[in-house]
Amino acid sequence: MAHDEDDQQTDQDDQRTQVLPTGAAAPAARRDQAVRAAVEQGVVGPAAPLAGLLDIAGIRASAAALRDAFETVTPPGTPVLHAFAVKATPLVPVLRLLRSSGIGAEVASPGELALARAAGVTPADTVLDSPAKTPAELRQALALGIAVNADNPQELARIDSLVGSAPTGSPVGLRVNPQIGGGAIGALSTATPTSKFGIPLRDEGAREWVIGACLDRPWLTRLHAHSGSQGMPLEMMVRGVGATYELAEEINERAGRRQIDTIDIGGGLPVNFGSDEESPTHAQYARRLKARLPGLLDGRYGLVTEFGRSLLAKHGTLLARVEYAKKAGGRPIAVTHAGVQVATRTVYAPLSWPLRIAAYDAKGRPKSGPAVGQDIAGPACFAGDLLAENRPLPLLEQGDYVAALDTGAYYFAAHYSYNSLARPGIYGFTTHADEVRFAAAREPQTVDEIVAEAGGGAERDALRYL
């Protein structure tokens, strides 16, 4: 793709910022300190062989960097809402931590909305997205004043009826699909020609329908597009936002006024799972948007973002004790309690979701020694339950620990109940000189809770007497 001089300068700026910033070793040092403290304090051990760890300092730094990235490229006073995608880490204490750092919530189900409300996120800082909203969900959101993005014409017709019967203070928008194509992971690509999300702008008659729908509804004041995903290059993401911005400009020109006043650019910034480096950054994305779409960021439009993985992934560590060390076919296998239930994407799609693994000894210290190819296996009863296959690491022994890195989003917080395996405890940590403090964001699930959730209470005889 050809670039003009401004585009070339943006690319050069992005390349220069791909180096590790001053102090970049600090997150890794905090992680090593936290792992050792988790072992020493019994956060993990024989009785609790699996835990998720969240670096609170890292989360706060990411939230601040996101806010700064867009404040830098927009005039003072530009309304910008950063709404964290709750699905990435659906934990009330995490949402409350982000709220204290100036981040709202993007929700896509009644459960996620309930989590955001429990965390104290206000309706003004909440956005509802989902391709399958029920009338009850829409009614609740409109009554509370939560921003709603309609996914399709039938949903918009439902909103027409609700708005007509009860006035609302909710900002209402339309989700559009710019159909720019997919990234490296097809299942996560939301802007393909046949994506289930939004109104496909390149389909025959669709663009004109969107314009007409907006002109017929003065209260329809937003456009929303989510073109990013893991494996999506920044340039494609910018193209998707650009198509949405151009549509907003056309609607406003046809309306003869600034009807569309806010553009929701979604989230989906990719995460580097290959090293501790955070790249690309929110600042790089914001600068690239500014270079390609200066009108989007000149203060005429309010902005909403919906980042999830890029805020939390790098600040999570899944720590598991090696229960057994064995061999099969000459290959060492470390059998741990971390598998498909806490790393579902990696186990089922290892080529798309490879995880870095760090080895620690029985005291929680980084393990040294020659690298030996070995499997890191989980506890589930199928052969493919592997975090890593033939991974070169210092040879792991019974009682050692493995850490799956970059797992702060979509991993241990999103449990999959295979084999009725218990949800692990999740602990935030802070470091103060030689002291590490832990606080439970979610307590480990008990066996009694597993039984209750499986109908083991009042329902247990429900089927016998039908």
Protein backbone atom coordinates (compact mmCIF):
# COMPACT_ATOMS: atom_id res chain seq x y z
CA MET A 1 0.00 0.00 0.00
CA ALA A 2 1.40 3.40 -0.99
CA HIS A 3 1.91 6.00 1.74
CA ASP A 4 2.32 9.73 1.44
CA GLU A 5 5.08 11.57 3.32
CA ASP A 6 2.96 11.92 6.47
CA ASP A 7 2.22 8.18 6.44
CA GLN A 8 5.91 7.37 6.04
CA GLN A 9 6.76 9.62 9.00
CA THR A 10 4.10 7.88 11.10
CA ASP A 11 5.57 4.48 10.23
CA GLN A 12 9.04 5.70 11.21
CA ASP A 13 7.72 7.04 14.51
CA ASP A 14 6.03 3.70 15.20
CA GLN A 15 9.23 1.79 14.46
CA ARG A 16 11.24 4.00 16.80
CA THR A 17 8.82 3.35 19.64
CA GLN A 18 9.03 -0.41 19.25
CA VAL A 19 12.10 -0.45 21.52
CA LEU A 20 11.68 -1.23 25.19
CA PRO A 21 11.14 1.95 27.25
CA THR A 22 13.27 2.85 30.23
CA GLY A 23 12.43 0.55 33.12
CA ALA A 24 10.82 -2.07 30.87
CA ALA A 25 12.43 -4.82 32.93
CA ALA A 26 10.39 -3.75 35.95
CA PRO A 27 7.24 -5.77 35.08
CA ALA A 28 9.31 -8.96 34.67
CA ALA A 29 11.11 -8.27 37.95
CA ARG A 30 7.77 -7.69 39.71
CA ARG A 31 6.47 -10.95 38.27
CA ASP A 32 9.47 -12.93 39.54
CA GLN A 33 9.13 -11.30 42.95
CA ALA A 34 5.40 -12.08 43.04
CA VAL A 35 5.89 -15.73 42.06
CA ARG A 36 8.39 -16.31 44.84
CA ALA A 37 6.15 -14.53 47.36
CA ALA A 38 3.12 -16.54 46.20
CA VAL A 39 5.00 -19.75 47.02
CA GLU A 40 6.35 -18.44 50.32
CA GLN A 41 2.97 -17.11 51.45
CA GLY A 42 1.01 -20.19 50.39
CA VAL A 43 -0.98 -18.48 47.65
CA VAL A 44 0.10 -21.51 45.62
CA GLY A 45 1.33 -24.84 46.91
CA PRO A 46 0.25 -28.45 47.38
CA ALA A 47 -3.19 -27.43 48.68
CA ALA A 48 -3.67 -24.68 46.07
CA PRO A 49 -1.75 -25.79 42.99
CA LEU A 50 -3.12 -23.15 40.61
CA ALA A 51 -3.64 -19.39 40.82
CA GLY A 52 -3.97 -16.33 38.62
CA LEU A 53 -1.82 -13.31 39.50
CA LEU A 54 -2.59 -9.74 38.43
CA ASP A 55 0.02 -6.97 38.53
CA ILE A 56 -1.88 -3.96 39.92
CA ALA A 57 0.88 -1.46 39.11
CA GLY A 58 0.93 -2.69 35.52
CA ILE A 59 -2.84 -2.39 35.13
CA ARG A 60 -2.82 1.16 36.48
CA ALA A 61 0.04 2.09 34.16
CA SER A 62 -1.81 0.69 31.12
CA ALA A 63 -4.97 2.64 31.98
CA ALA A 64 -2.98 5.85 32.36
CA ALA A 65 -1.12 5.23 29.09
CA LEU A 66 -4.41 4.68 27.24
CA ARG A 67 -5.89 7.92 28.52
CA ASP A 68 -2.70 9.82 27.72
CA ALA A 69 -2.50 8.35 24.20
CA PHE A 70 -5.81 9.92 23.14
CA GLU A 71 -5.47 13.09 25.19
CA THR A 72 -2.25 13.76 23.27
CA VAL A 73 -3.94 13.65 19.85
CA THR A 74 -7.22 15.46 20.67
CA PRO A 75 -7.91 19.07 21.68
CA PRO A 76 -8.62 19.77 25.36
CA GLY A 77 -12.26 19.15 26.20
CA THR A 78 -12.84 16.46 23.57
CA PRO A 79 -15.23 13.92 25.15
CA VAL A 80 -13.48 10.55 25.20
CA LEU A 81 -14.81 7.46 26.99
CA HIS A 82 -12.52 4.48 27.33
CA ALA A 83 -14.88 1.56 28.01
CA PHE A 84 -13.09 -1.64 29.03
CA ALA A 85 -14.44 -4.75 27.28
CA VAL A 86 -15.74 -6.63 30.32
CA LYS A 87 -15.59 -10.01 28.54
CA ALA A 88 -11.79 -9.80 28.62
CA THR A 89 -11.57 -10.02 32.43
CA PRO A 90 -15.04 -10.25 33.99
CA LEU A 91 -14.12 -9.60 37.61
CA VAL A 92 -15.79 -6.93 39.72
CA PRO A 93 -12.58 -5.93 41.60
CA VAL A 94 -10.77 -5.48 38.26
CA LEU A 95 -13.60 -3.33 36.89
CA ARG A 96 -13.56 -1.28 40.07
CA LEU A 97 -9.78 -0.82 39.82
CA LEU A 98 -10.15 0.34 36.23
CA ARG A 99 -13.02 2.65 37.22
CA SER A 100 -10.71 4.32 39.77
CA SER A 101 -8.26 4.80 36.89
CA GLY A 102 -10.81 6.59 34.70
CA ILE A 103 -11.99 3.62 32.61
CA GLY A 104 -15.65 2.71 31.99
CA ALA A 105 -17.20 -0.53 30.77
CA GLU A 106 -18.34 -2.06 27.49
CA VAL A 107 -20.85 -4.85 28.17
CA ALA A 108 -22.41 -7.46 25.92
CA SER A 109 -24.81 -9.37 28.17
CA PRO A 110 -27.02 -8.91 31.25
CA GLY A 111 -24.31 -10.61 33.31
CA GLU A 112 -21.61 -8.22 32.16
CA LEU A 113 -23.88 -5.25 32.81
CA ALA A 114 -24.53 -6.56 36.33
CA LEU A 115 -20.78 -6.87 36.92
CA ALA A 116 -20.19 -3.30 35.74
CA ARG A 117 -22.96 -1.97 37.97
CA ALA A 118 -21.63 -3.96 40.94
CA ALA A 119 -18.25 -2.33 40.32
CA GLY A 120 -19.85 1.12 40.48
CA VAL A 121 -19.46 1.98 36.81
CA THR A 122 -22.05 4.67 36.04
CA PRO A 123 -24.54 4.40 33.17
CA ALA A 124 -22.84 7.40 31.53
CA ASP A 125 -19.60 5.39 31.40
CA THR A 126 -21.21 2.18 30.11
CA VAL A 127 -21.80 1.01 26.53
CA LEU A 128 -24.03 -1.94 25.57
CA ASP A 129 -23.01 -3.96 22.52
CA SER A 130 -24.32 -7.37 21.52
CA PRO A 131 -25.72 -8.90 18.33
CA ALA A 132 -28.58 -10.53 20.24
CA LYS A 133 -30.10 -8.04 22.68
CA THR A 134 -33.54 -8.99 23.98
CA PRO A 135 -36.35 -6.45 24.42
CA ALA A 136 -35.81 -6.65 28.18
CA GLU A 137 -32.09 -5.87 27.84
CA LEU A 138 -32.82 -2.90 25.59
CA ARG A 139 -35.55 -1.63 27.89
CA GLN A 140 -33.25 -1.79 30.90
CA ALA A 141 -30.38 -0.02 29.14
CA LEU A 142 -32.59 2.75 27.79
CA ALA A 143 -34.19 3.24 31.21
CA LEU A 144 -30.78 3.55 32.88
CA GLY A 145 -29.35 5.92 30.28
CA ILE A 146 -26.68 3.50 29.04
CA ALA A 147 -25.32 4.02 25.53
CA VAL A 148 -26.71 1.41 23.12
CA ASN A 149 -25.32 0.43 19.72
CA ALA A 150 -27.97 -1.24 17.57
CA ASP A 151 -26.60 -4.17 15.59
CA ASN A 152 -29.15 -4.51 12.79
CA PRO A 153 -32.40 -3.11 11.32
CA GLN A 154 -34.64 -5.41 13.36
CA GLU A 155 -33.00 -4.28 16.58
CA LEU A 156 -33.35 -0.67 15.53
CA ALA A 157 -37.06 -1.29 15.00
CA ARG A 158 -37.30 -2.55 18.58
CA ILE A 159 -35.55 0.58 19.80
CA ASP A 160 -37.96 2.70 17.74
CA SER A 161 -40.83 1.19 19.68
CA LEU A 162 -39.16 1.60 23.06
CA VAL A 163 -38.09 5.18 22.41
CA GLY A 164 -41.58 6.00 21.23
CA SER A 165 -43.19 4.67 24.39
CA ALA A 166 -40.71 6.02 26.96
CA PRO A 167 -38.24 8.86 26.41
CA THR A 168 -34.63 7.97 27.15
CA GLY A 169 -31.42 9.77 27.90
CA SER A 170 -29.36 6.99 26.35
CA PRO A 171 -27.08 7.85 23.43
CA VAL A 172 -28.06 5.49 20.62
CA GLY A 173 -25.86 4.44 17.72
CA LEU A 174 -25.67 2.00 14.84
CA ARG A 175 -22.99 -0.66 14.56
CA VAL A 176 -21.61 -0.88 11.04
CA ASN A 177 -19.26 -3.39 9.46
CA PRO A 178 -16.77 -1.71 7.10
CA GLN A 179 -16.01 -5.15 5.58
CA ILE A 180 -12.28 -4.47 5.32
CA GLY A 181 -11.27 -8.12 5.74
CA GLY A 182 -9.86 -10.36 8.43
CA GLY A 183 -6.64 -10.70 10.35
CA ALA A 184 -4.51 -13.72 11.18
CA ILE A 185 -7.20 -15.33 13.37
CA GLY A 186 -10.38 -15.76 11.36
CA ALA A 187 -12.61 -16.63 14.31
CA LEU A 188 -11.87 -13.26 15.92
CA SER A 189 -12.08 -11.09 12.82
CA THR A 190 -15.16 -8.89 13.10
CA ALA A 191 -14.97 -6.89 9.86
CA THR A 192 -14.99 -9.62 7.22
CA PRO A 193 -17.49 -9.56 4.33
CA THR A 194 -19.73 -12.10 6.10
CA SER A 195 -19.19 -11.12 9.75
CA LYS A 196 -22.21 -11.59 12.01
CA PHE A 197 -21.68 -8.14 13.53
CA GLY A 198 -23.27 -4.89 12.42
CA ILE A 199 -24.65 -3.60 9.15
CA PRO A 200 -22.40 -4.58 6.20
CA LEU A 201 -21.63 -1.28 4.49
CA ARG A 202 -20.51 -2.75 1.16
CA ASP A 203 -23.59 -4.90 0.67
CA GLU A 204 -25.96 -3.57 -1.97
CA GLY A 205 -28.15 -0.76 -0.60
CA ALA A 206 -26.77 -1.04 2.96
CA ARG A 207 -24.89 2.26 3.10
CA GLU A 208 -27.87 4.20 1.83
CA TRP A 209 -30.11 2.41 4.32
CA VAL A 210 -27.83 3.50 7.19
CA ILE A 211 -27.88 7.10 6.01
CA GLY A 212 -31.66 7.06 5.66
CA ALA A 213 -32.12 5.42 9.07
CA CYS A 214 -30.09 8.20 10.68
CA LEU A 215 -31.83 11.02 8.81
CA ASP A 216 -35.20 9.62 9.88
CA ARG A 217 -34.14 9.50 13.54
CA PRO A 218 -32.65 12.69 14.97
CA TRP A 219 -31.87 10.78 18.18
CA LEU A 220 -29.52 8.40 16.35
CA THR A 221 -26.27 10.22 17.07
CA ARG A 222 -23.50 7.61 17.03
CA LEU A 223 -21.75 5.19 14.72
CA HIS A 224 -19.84 2.19 16.00
CA ALA A 225 -17.39 -0.13 14.26
CA HIS A 226 -15.08 -2.74 15.75
CA SER A 227 -12.52 -3.60 13.09
CA GLY A 228 -9.65 -4.78 15.30
CA SER A 229 -8.72 -8.16 16.72
CA GLN A 230 -5.70 -10.20 17.70
CA GLY A 231 -3.67 -10.72 14.55
CA MET A 232 -5.01 -7.58 12.83
CA PRO A 233 -2.42 -5.06 11.57
CA LEU A 234 -2.87 -1.45 12.69
CA GLU A 235 -3.31 -0.24 9.12
CA MET A 236 -6.39 -2.43 8.62
CA MET A 237 -7.84 -1.23 11.90
CA VAL A 238 -7.36 2.37 10.80
CA ARG A 239 -9.05 1.62 7.48
CA GLY A 240 -12.09 0.32 9.33
CA VAL A 241 -12.26 3.41 11.54
CA GLY A 242 -11.74 5.57 8.45
CA ALA A 243 -14.72 4.04 6.67
CA THR A 244 -16.88 4.78 9.72
CA TYR A 245 -15.62 8.36 9.95
CA GLU A 246 -16.32 8.97 6.25
CA LEU A 247 -19.85 7.64 6.74
CA ALA A 248 -20.39 10.00 9.67
CA GLU A 249 -19.21 12.92 7.57
CA GLU A 250 -21.63 11.99 4.79
CA ILE A 251 -24.56 11.64 7.18
CA ASN A 252 -23.84 15.03 8.72
CA GLU A 253 -23.52 16.66 5.31
CA ARG A 254 -26.83 15.17 4.16
CA ALA A 255 -28.49 16.19 7.43
CA GLY A 256 -27.16 19.72 7.19
CA ARG A 257 -26.04 19.56 10.82
CA ARG A 258 -23.78 17.55 13.13
CA GLN A 259 -26.21 14.74 13.83
CA ILE A 260 -23.52 12.09 14.35
CA ASP A 261 -21.57 13.55 17.23
CA THR A 262 -19.71 10.48 18.54
CA ILE A 263 -17.79 7.66 16.88
CA ASP A 264 -17.12 4.43 18.76
CA ILE A 265 -13.94 2.92 17.31
CA GLY A 266 -14.18 -0.33 19.27
CA GLY A 267 -11.08 -2.07 20.57
CA GLY A 268 -9.15 -5.08 19.38
CA LEU A 269 -5.61 -3.71 19.62
CA PRO A 270 -3.35 -6.77 19.18
CA VAL A 271 -1.06 -7.95 21.97
CA ASN A 272 2.50 -9.14 21.54
CA PHE A 273 2.57 -12.63 23.07
CA GLY A 274 6.21 -13.21 22.12
CA SER A 275 8.04 -11.10 24.70
CA ASP A 276 7.57 -8.69 27.60
CA GLU A 277 7.48 -5.75 25.17
CA GLU A 278 4.13 -4.00 24.87
CA SER A 279 3.62 -3.53 21.15
CA PRO A 280 1.79 -2.12 19.42
CA THR A 281 0.87 0.53 21.97
CA HIS A 282 -2.26 2.59 22.33
CA ALA A 283 -0.12 5.66 21.65
CA GLN A 284 1.06 4.24 18.31
CA TYR A 285 -2.53 3.51 17.32
CA ALA A 286 -3.70 6.99 18.34
CA ARG A 287 -0.88 8.66 16.40
CA ARG A 288 -1.66 6.62 13.33
CA LEU A 289 -5.33 7.57 13.54
CA LYS A 290 -4.30 11.22 13.86
CA ALA A 291 -2.05 10.99 10.79
CA ARG A 292 -4.62 9.22 8.59
CA LEU A 293 -7.85 10.74 9.94
CA PRO A 294 -7.14 14.19 11.38
CA GLY A 295 -10.81 15.19 11.18
CA LEU A 296 -11.78 12.36 13.49
CA LEU A 297 -9.58 13.75 16.25
CA ASP A 298 -9.96 17.50 15.77
CA GLY A 299 -12.58 17.84 18.52
CA ARG A 300 -15.71 17.75 16.36
CA TYR A 301 -16.49 14.19 17.39
CA GLY A 302 -16.66 12.53 20.76
CA LEU A 303 -14.83 9.21 20.92
CA VAL A 304 -15.48 5.86 22.56
CA THR A 305 -12.93 3.04 22.73
CA GLU A 306 -13.53 -0.55 23.82
CA PHE A 307 -10.10 -2.04 24.51
CA GLY A 308 -9.88 -5.22 26.56
CA ARG A 309 -6.99 -7.60 25.91
CA SER A 310 -4.51 -4.77 25.30
CA LEU A 311 -5.19 -3.31 28.76
CA LEU A 312 -4.96 -6.51 30.83
CA ALA A 313 -3.17 -9.35 29.03
CA LYS A 314 0.42 -8.38 29.82
CA HIS A 315 -0.35 -7.98 33.52
CA GLY A 316 -1.60 -11.50 34.23
CA THR A 317 0.35 -14.64 35.13
CA LEU A 318 -1.13 -18.12 35.45
CA LEU A 319 0.95 -19.97 38.04
CA ALA A 320 0.72 -23.76 38.35
CA ARG A 321 2.52 -26.36 40.44
CA VAL A 322 4.05 -29.36 38.69
CA GLU A 323 2.16 -32.27 40.22
CA TYR A 324 4.12 -34.95 38.39
CA ALA A 325 7.11 -35.13 36.06
CA LYS A 326 7.20 -38.12 33.70
CA LYS A 327 8.31 -39.24 30.26
CA ALA A 328 6.57 -40.72 27.22
CA GLY A 329 8.38 -41.69 24.05
CA GLY A 330 11.50 -40.17 25.53
CA ARG A 331 9.92 -36.73 25.93
CA PRO A 332 9.62 -35.16 29.39
CA ILE A 333 6.11 -34.16 30.45
CA ALA A 334 5.33 -31.78 33.30
CA VAL A 335 1.79 -32.51 34.48
CA THR A 336 0.26 -29.38 36.00
CA HIS A 337 -3.16 -28.10 37.04
CA ALA A 338 -3.23 -25.46 34.26
CA GLY A 339 -4.97 -26.66 31.15
CA VAL A 340 -8.05 -26.23 29.03
CA GLN A 341 -10.15 -24.89 31.91
CA VAL A 342 -7.99 -21.76 32.23
CA ALA A 343 -6.28 -21.58 28.83
CA THR A 344 -9.07 -22.68 26.52
CA ARG A 345 -7.93 -20.81 23.43
CA THR A 346 -4.35 -22.04 23.65
CA VAL A 347 -5.33 -25.67 24.16
CA TYR A 348 -7.84 -25.77 21.32
CA ALA A 349 -5.98 -23.43 18.93
CA PRO A 350 -2.29 -23.57 19.90
CA LEU A 351 -1.00 -22.16 16.63
CA SER A 352 -3.13 -19.02 16.99
CA TRP A 353 -2.63 -18.65 20.75
CA PRO A 354 0.85 -19.80 21.76
CA LEU A 355 1.79 -18.78 25.30
CA ARG A 356 5.18 -18.02 26.78
CA ILE A 357 6.07 -20.33 29.64
CA ALA A 358 8.49 -19.48 32.45
CA ALA A 359 9.97 -22.12 34.75
CA TYR A 360 10.41 -21.70 38.51
CA ASP A 361 11.80 -24.06 41.12
CA ALA A 362 9.96 -25.37 44.17
CA LYS A 363 10.76 -22.18 46.11
CA GLY A 364 9.40 -19.93 43.35
CA ARG A 365 12.80 -18.84 42.04
CA PRO A 366 13.51 -18.65 38.27
CA LYS A 367 14.82 -22.05 37.28
CA SER A 368 18.13 -22.39 35.48
CA GLY A 369 19.74 -25.21 33.58
CA PRO A 370 20.01 -26.51 30.01
CA ALA A 371 16.88 -26.11 27.90
CA VAL A 372 15.13 -29.41 27.33
CA GLY A 373 12.15 -29.88 25.03
CA GLN A 374 9.18 -30.90 27.16
CA ASP A 375 5.40 -30.83 27.20
CA ILE A 376 3.53 -28.70 29.71
CA ALA A 377 0.34 -30.67 30.29
CA GLY A 378 -2.91 -29.82 32.01
CA PRO A 379 -5.19 -31.96 34.20
CA ALA A 380 -8.08 -32.54 31.78
CA CYS A 381 -8.82 -36.01 30.49
CA PHE A 382 -7.88 -35.68 26.84
CA ALA A 383 -4.48 -35.94 25.17
CA GLY A 384 -4.49 -32.46 23.66
CA ASP A 385 -4.73 -30.69 27.02
CA LEU A 386 -1.32 -29.01 26.64
CA LEU A 387 -0.16 -25.48 27.40
CA ALA A 388 2.97 -26.07 25.35
CA GLU A 389 4.38 -28.94 23.32
CA ASN A 390 8.09 -29.83 23.15
CA ARG A 391 8.91 -26.41 24.63
CA PRO A 392 12.61 -25.84 25.47
CA LEU A 393 12.81 -25.06 29.21
CA PRO A 394 15.01 -26.02 32.15
CA LEU A 395 13.94 -29.55 33.00
CA LEU A 396 10.91 -29.35 35.31
CA GLU A 397 10.62 -31.60 38.34
CA GLN A 398 7.82 -32.54 40.70
CA GLY A 399 7.06 -29.58 42.97
CA ASP A 400 8.40 -26.94 40.55
CA TYR A 401 6.15 -24.24 39.11
CA VAL A 402 5.32 -23.11 35.60
CA ALA A 403 4.01 -19.66 34.75
CA ALA A 404 1.94 -19.00 31.64
CA LEU A 405 2.57 -15.35 30.82
CA ASP A 406 0.36 -12.64 29.27
CA THR A 407 -2.78 -14.33 30.61
CA GLY A 408 -4.50 -11.34 32.24
CA ALA A 409 -7.33 -11.37 29.68
CA TYR A 410 -9.44 -14.26 28.32
CA TYR A 411 -7.52 -16.88 30.29
CA PHE A 412 -7.84 -17.66 34.02
CA ALA A 413 -10.67 -15.15 34.47
CA ALA A 414 -12.79 -16.94 31.83
CA HIS A 415 -13.18 -20.43 33.29
CA TYR A 416 -14.27 -23.45 31.25
CA SER A 417 -15.71 -26.17 33.49
CA TYR A 418 -14.21 -29.21 31.76
CA ASN A 419 -14.01 -32.24 34.11
CA SER A 420 -15.74 -30.06 36.74
CA LEU A 421 -12.35 -28.54 37.48
CA ALA A 422 -12.53 -25.78 40.09
CA ARG A 423 -12.08 -22.13 39.23
CA PRO A 424 -8.70 -21.03 40.60
CA GLY A 425 -8.20 -18.16 42.98
CA ILE A 426 -7.19 -14.88 41.36
CA TYR A 427 -5.00 -12.48 43.30
CA GLY A 428 -3.89 -8.95 42.64
CA PHE A 429 -0.43 -8.09 43.89
CA THR A 430 1.66 -5.03 44.63
CA THR A 431 5.37 -4.89 45.41
CA HIS A 432 6.90 -2.63 48.04
CA ALA A 433 10.68 -3.01 48.25
CA ASP A 434 11.08 -6.64 49.39
CA GLU A 435 7.43 -7.03 50.37
CA VAL A 436 4.69 -8.40 48.13
CA ARG A 437 1.07 -7.98 49.13
CA PHE A 438 -1.75 -10.10 47.73
CA ALA A 439 -5.50 -9.53 47.72
CA ALA A 440 -8.07 -11.99 46.39
CA ALA A 441 -10.03 -10.73 43.39
CA ARG A 442 -11.83 -14.07 43.31
CA GLU A 443 -11.53 -16.83 45.90
CA PRO A 444 -10.86 -20.40 44.72
CA GLN A 445 -14.02 -22.34 43.97
CA THR A 446 -14.88 -25.06 46.47
CA VAL A 447 -16.08 -28.56 45.70
CA ASP A 448 -19.38 -27.76 47.44
CA GLU A 449 -19.88 -24.82 45.07
CA ILE A 450 -19.23 -27.09 42.07
CA VAL A 451 -21.88 -29.51 43.33
CA ALA A 452 -24.40 -26.71 43.94
CA GLU A 453 -23.89 -25.27 40.46
CA ALA A 454 -24.44 -28.75 39.01
CA GLY A 455 -27.91 -29.05 40.51
CA GLY A 456 -26.79 -30.77 43.66
CA GLY A 457 -29.07 -28.79 45.96
CA ALA A 458 -32.86 -28.65 45.93
CA GLU A 459 -32.86 -29.75 42.26
CA ARG A 460 -31.09 -33.08 42.76
CA ASP A 461 -34.25 -35.19 42.64
CA ALA A 462 -36.00 -32.99 40.06
CA LEU A 463 -35.73 -35.55 37.24
CA ARG A 464 -36.66 -38.68 39.17
CA TYR A 465 -40.36 -37.91 39.52
CA LEU A 466 -41.21 -36.56 36.07
